Amino acid sequence: MDQVLTVLQIAAVIFLLIILYHGLFITVDLRKTMRRVNDVTRQIEDTVMKPISMADHILQWVMEYIEKDNKSSKKKSKKK
């Protein structure tokens, strides 16, 4: 009876080692997958944000131009 119990314990330890071994590979694969998902997300974000950033720069330039134009027109109207 002790021999059967010992064999079962050895088998359980071997199965546990196999499960841990596979768990290690699954974890590494998940890390690689998540890293790739993060890269793709970053690329999509850059693609979406680039036109928005350009529109923001153009809007800032237009606002500065209008402010300069308003200041110069106020100075001209005060001189008259």
N, C-alpha and C. Protein backbone atom coordinates (compact mmCIF):
# COMPACT_ATOMS: atom_id res chain seq x y z
N MET A 1 0.82 -1.19 0.00
CA MET A 1 0.00 0.00 0.00
C MET A 1 0.87 1.26 0.00
N ASP A 2 1.98 1.21 0.75
CA ASP A 2 2.87 2.37 0.78
C ASP A 2 3.49 2.64 -0.58
N GLN A 3 3.75 1.58 -1.32
CA GLN A 3 4.36 1.75 -2.64
C GLN A 3 3.40 2.46 -3.59
N VAL A 4 2.13 2.12 -3.53
CA VAL A 4 1.13 2.75 -4.39
C VAL A 4 1.02 4.22 -4.04
N LEU A 5 1.01 4.53 -2.76
CA LEU A 5 0.91 5.92 -2.31
C LEU A 5 2.14 6.71 -2.74
N THR A 6 3.31 6.11 -2.65
CA THR A 6 4.55 6.76 -3.07
C THR A 6 4.53 7.02 -4.57
N VAL A 7 4.08 6.05 -5.35
CA VAL A 7 3.99 6.22 -6.80
C VAL A 7 3.01 7.34 -7.14
N LEU A 8 1.88 7.39 -6.44
CA LEU A 8 0.90 8.45 -6.68
C LEU A 8 1.47 9.83 -6.32
N GLN A 9 2.23 9.91 -5.24
CA GLN A 9 2.85 11.19 -4.86
C GLN A 9 3.86 11.62 -5.91
N ILE A 10 4.66 10.69 -6.39
CA ILE A 10 5.65 11.01 -7.43
C ILE A 10 4.93 11.47 -8.70
N ALA A 11 3.86 10.78 -9.07
CA ALA A 11 3.09 11.16 -10.26
C ALA A 11 2.49 12.56 -10.08
N ALA A 12 1.99 12.85 -8.89
CA ALA A 12 1.41 14.17 -8.62
C ALA A 12 2.47 15.26 -8.73
N VAL A 13 3.66 15.00 -8.21
CA VAL A 13 4.75 15.97 -8.30
C VAL A 13 5.15 16.19 -9.76
N ILE A 14 5.22 15.11 -10.53
CA ILE A 14 5.58 15.23 -11.95
C ILE A 14 4.52 16.04 -12.69
N PHE A 15 3.23 15.75 -12.42
CA PHE A 15 2.16 16.53 -13.06
C PHE A 15 2.22 18.00 -12.65
N LEU A 16 2.53 18.25 -11.40
CA LEU A 16 2.64 19.64 -10.94
C LEU A 16 3.79 20.35 -11.65
N LEU A 17 4.91 19.66 -11.82
CA LEU A 17 6.04 20.26 -12.54
C LEU A 17 5.67 20.54 -14.00
N ILE A 18 4.94 19.63 -14.62
CA ILE A 18 4.51 19.83 -16.01
C ILE A 18 3.57 21.03 -16.09
N ILE A 19 2.65 21.14 -15.16
CA ILE A 19 1.71 22.27 -15.15
C ILE A 19 2.47 23.58 -14.95
N LEU A 20 3.42 23.61 -14.04
CA LEU A 20 4.20 24.83 -13.82
C LEU A 20 5.02 25.19 -15.05
N TYR A 21 5.57 24.18 -15.72
CA TYR A 21 6.36 24.39 -16.93
C TYR A 21 5.49 25.02 -18.02
N HIS A 22 4.30 24.48 -18.22
CA HIS A 22 3.39 25.05 -19.21
C HIS A 22 2.91 26.44 -18.78
N GLY A 23 2.70 26.61 -17.50
CA GLY A 23 2.29 27.93 -17.00
C GLY A 23 3.34 28.98 -17.28
N LEU A 24 4.60 28.61 -17.18
CA LEU A 24 5.69 29.53 -17.48
C LEU A 24 5.64 29.97 -18.94
N PHE A 25 5.45 29.02 -19.85
CA PHE A 25 5.37 29.37 -21.28
C PHE A 25 4.13 30.19 -21.59
N ILE A 26 3.03 29.87 -20.95
CA ILE A 26 1.81 30.65 -21.16
C ILE A 26 2.02 32.09 -20.70
N THR A 27 2.67 32.27 -19.56
CA THR A 27 2.94 33.61 -19.05
C THR A 27 3.84 34.39 -20.00
N VAL A 28 4.88 33.76 -20.50
CA VAL A 28 5.79 34.44 -21.43
C VAL A 28 5.05 34.81 -22.71
N ASP A 29 4.23 33.90 -23.23
CA ASP A 29 3.46 34.20 -24.44
C ASP A 29 2.47 35.34 -24.20
N LEU A 30 1.84 35.35 -23.04
CA LEU A 30 0.91 36.44 -22.72
C LEU A 30 1.64 37.78 -22.64
N ARG A 31 2.83 37.77 -22.07
CA ARG A 31 3.60 39.02 -22.00
C ARG A 31 3.94 39.52 -23.40
N LYS A 32 4.36 38.60 -24.28
CA LYS A 32 4.66 38.98 -25.66
C LYS A 32 3.42 39.52 -26.35
N THR A 33 2.30 38.85 -26.14
CA THR A 33 1.05 39.28 -26.76
C THR A 33 0.64 40.66 -26.24
N MET A 34 0.73 40.86 -24.94
CA MET A 34 0.36 42.16 -24.37
C MET A 34 1.30 43.26 -24.85
N ARG A 35 2.57 42.96 -24.98
CA ARG A 35 3.53 43.95 -25.50
C ARG A 35 3.16 44.34 -26.93
N ARG A 36 2.78 43.35 -27.73
CA ARG A 36 2.38 43.63 -29.12
C ARG A 36 1.09 44.44 -29.16
N VAL A 37 0.14 44.10 -28.29
CA VAL A 37 -1.11 44.86 -28.22
C VAL A 37 -0.81 46.30 -27.82
N ASN A 38 0.09 46.50 -26.88
CA ASN A 38 0.46 47.86 -26.48
C ASN A 38 1.11 48.62 -27.64
N ASP A 39 1.96 47.95 -28.41
CA ASP A 39 2.59 48.60 -29.57
C ASP A 39 1.54 49.00 -30.60
N VAL A 40 0.61 48.10 -30.89
CA VAL A 40 -0.44 48.40 -31.86
C VAL A 40 -1.31 49.55 -31.36
N THR A 41 -1.64 49.52 -30.07
CA THR A 41 -2.45 50.60 -29.49
C THR A 41 -1.72 51.93 -29.59
N ARG A 42 -0.43 51.94 -29.32
CA ARG A 42 0.36 53.16 -29.41
C ARG A 42 0.39 53.68 -30.85
N GLN A 43 0.53 52.78 -31.82
CA GLN A 43 0.54 53.18 -33.22
C GLN A 43 -0.81 53.76 -33.64
N ILE A 44 -1.88 53.14 -33.20
CA ILE A 44 -3.22 53.65 -33.52
C ILE A 44 -3.41 55.02 -32.88
N GLU A 45 -2.98 55.15 -31.63
CA GLU A 45 -3.11 56.44 -30.94
C GLU A 45 -2.31 57.52 -31.66
N ASP A 46 -1.10 57.20 -32.09
CA ASP A 46 -0.30 58.18 -32.83
C ASP A 46 -0.97 58.57 -34.14
N THR A 47 -1.55 57.58 -34.82
CA THR A 47 -2.22 57.84 -36.09
C THR A 47 -3.43 58.74 -35.89
N VAL A 48 -4.16 58.54 -34.82
CA VAL A 48 -5.35 59.35 -34.55
C VAL A 48 -4.95 60.73 -34.04
N MET A 49 -3.93 60.79 -33.20
CA MET A 49 -3.57 62.06 -32.57
C MET A 49 -2.84 63.00 -33.51
N LYS A 50 -2.18 62.50 -34.54
CA LYS A 50 -1.42 63.36 -35.44
C LYS A 50 -2.31 64.40 -36.13
N PRO A 51 -3.44 64.02 -36.75
CA PRO A 51 -4.30 65.04 -37.35
C PRO A 51 -4.89 66.00 -36.32
N ILE A 52 -5.21 65.47 -35.15
CA ILE A 52 -5.76 66.33 -34.10
C ILE A 52 -4.71 67.33 -33.66
N SER A 53 -3.48 66.89 -33.52
CA SER A 53 -2.39 67.78 -33.14
C SER A 53 -2.16 68.85 -34.20
N MET A 54 -2.20 68.44 -35.47
CA MET A 54 -2.02 69.42 -36.55
C MET A 54 -3.15 70.44 -36.53
N ALA A 55 -4.37 69.99 -36.33
CA ALA A 55 -5.51 70.91 -36.26
C ALA A 55 -5.34 71.87 -35.09
N ASP A 56 -4.83 71.37 -33.97
CA ASP A 56 -4.60 72.23 -32.80
C ASP A 56 -3.55 73.29 -33.11
N HIS A 57 -2.47 72.92 -33.77
CA HIS A 57 -1.43 73.89 -34.13
C HIS A 57 -1.98 74.94 -35.09
N ILE A 58 -2.77 74.51 -36.06
CA ILE A 58 -3.35 75.46 -37.01
C ILE A 58 -4.30 76.40 -36.30
N LEU A 59 -5.10 75.87 -35.39
CA LEU A 59 -6.03 76.71 -34.63
C LEU A 59 -5.28 77.72 -33.77
N GLN A 60 -4.20 77.29 -33.13
CA GLN A 60 -3.38 78.21 -32.33
C GLN A 60 -2.80 79.31 -33.21
N TRP A 61 -2.31 78.95 -34.38
CA TRP A 61 -1.74 79.93 -35.30
C TRP A 61 -2.80 80.94 -35.73
N VAL A 62 -4.00 80.46 -36.06
CA VAL A 62 -5.09 81.36 -36.47
C VAL A 62 -5.47 82.29 -35.33
N MET A 63 -5.55 81.76 -34.12
CA MET A 63 -5.91 82.60 -32.96
C MET A 63 -4.85 83.66 -32.72
N GLU A 64 -3.57 83.31 -32.81
CA GLU A 64 -2.51 84.29 -32.64
C GLU A 64 -2.57 85.35 -33.73
N TYR A 65 -2.85 84.95 -34.95
CA TYR A 65 -2.95 85.89 -36.06
C TYR A 65 -4.12 86.86 -35.83
N ILE A 66 -5.25 86.34 -35.38
CA ILE A 66 -6.41 87.19 -35.12
C ILE A 66 -6.11 88.15 -33.97
N GLU A 67 -5.46 87.67 -32.91
CA GLU A 67 -5.11 88.55 -31.79
C GLU A 67 -4.16 89.65 -32.24
N LYS A 68 -3.17 89.33 -33.05
CA LYS A 68 -2.25 90.35 -33.55
C LYS A 68 -3.00 91.36 -34.41
N ASP A 69 -3.90 90.86 -35.24
CA ASP A 69 -4.68 91.74 -36.11
C ASP A 69 -5.57 92.65 -35.27
N ASN A 70 -6.17 92.13 -34.21
CA ASN A 70 -7.01 92.95 -33.33
C ASN A 70 -6.19 94.01 -32.62
N LYS A 71 -5.01 93.65 -32.15
CA LYS A 71 -4.15 94.62 -31.46
C LYS A 71 -3.72 95.72 -32.42
N SER A 72 -3.35 95.35 -33.62
CA SER A 72 -2.90 96.37 -34.58
C SER A 72 -4.06 97.25 -35.01
N SER A 73 -5.26 96.70 -35.14
CA SER A 73 -6.41 97.53 -35.52
C SER A 73 -6.81 98.45 -34.38
N LYS A 74 -6.65 98.03 -33.12
CA LYS A 74 -6.96 98.90 -31.98
C LYS A 74 -5.96 100.05 -31.91
N LYS A 75 -4.69 99.77 -32.18
CA LYS A 75 -3.67 100.82 -32.16
C LYS A 75 -3.95 101.83 -33.26
N LYS A 76 -4.34 101.38 -34.43
CA LYS A 76 -4.64 102.28 -35.54
C LYS A 76 -5.86 103.12 -35.24
N SER A 77 -6.88 102.52 -34.61
CA SER A 77 -8.10 103.28 -34.30
C SER A 77 -7.84 104.30 -33.20
N LYS A 78 -6.93 104.04 -32.27
CA LYS A 78 -6.60 105.00 -31.21
C LYS A 78 -5.81 106.17 -31.77
N LYS A 79 -4.99 105.95 -32.77
CA LYS A 79 -4.19 107.01 -33.36
C LYS A 79 -5.05 107.98 -34.15
N LYS A 80 -6.17 107.56 -34.69
CA LYS A 80 -7.03 108.42 -35.51
C LYS A 80 -7.77 109.36 -34.68
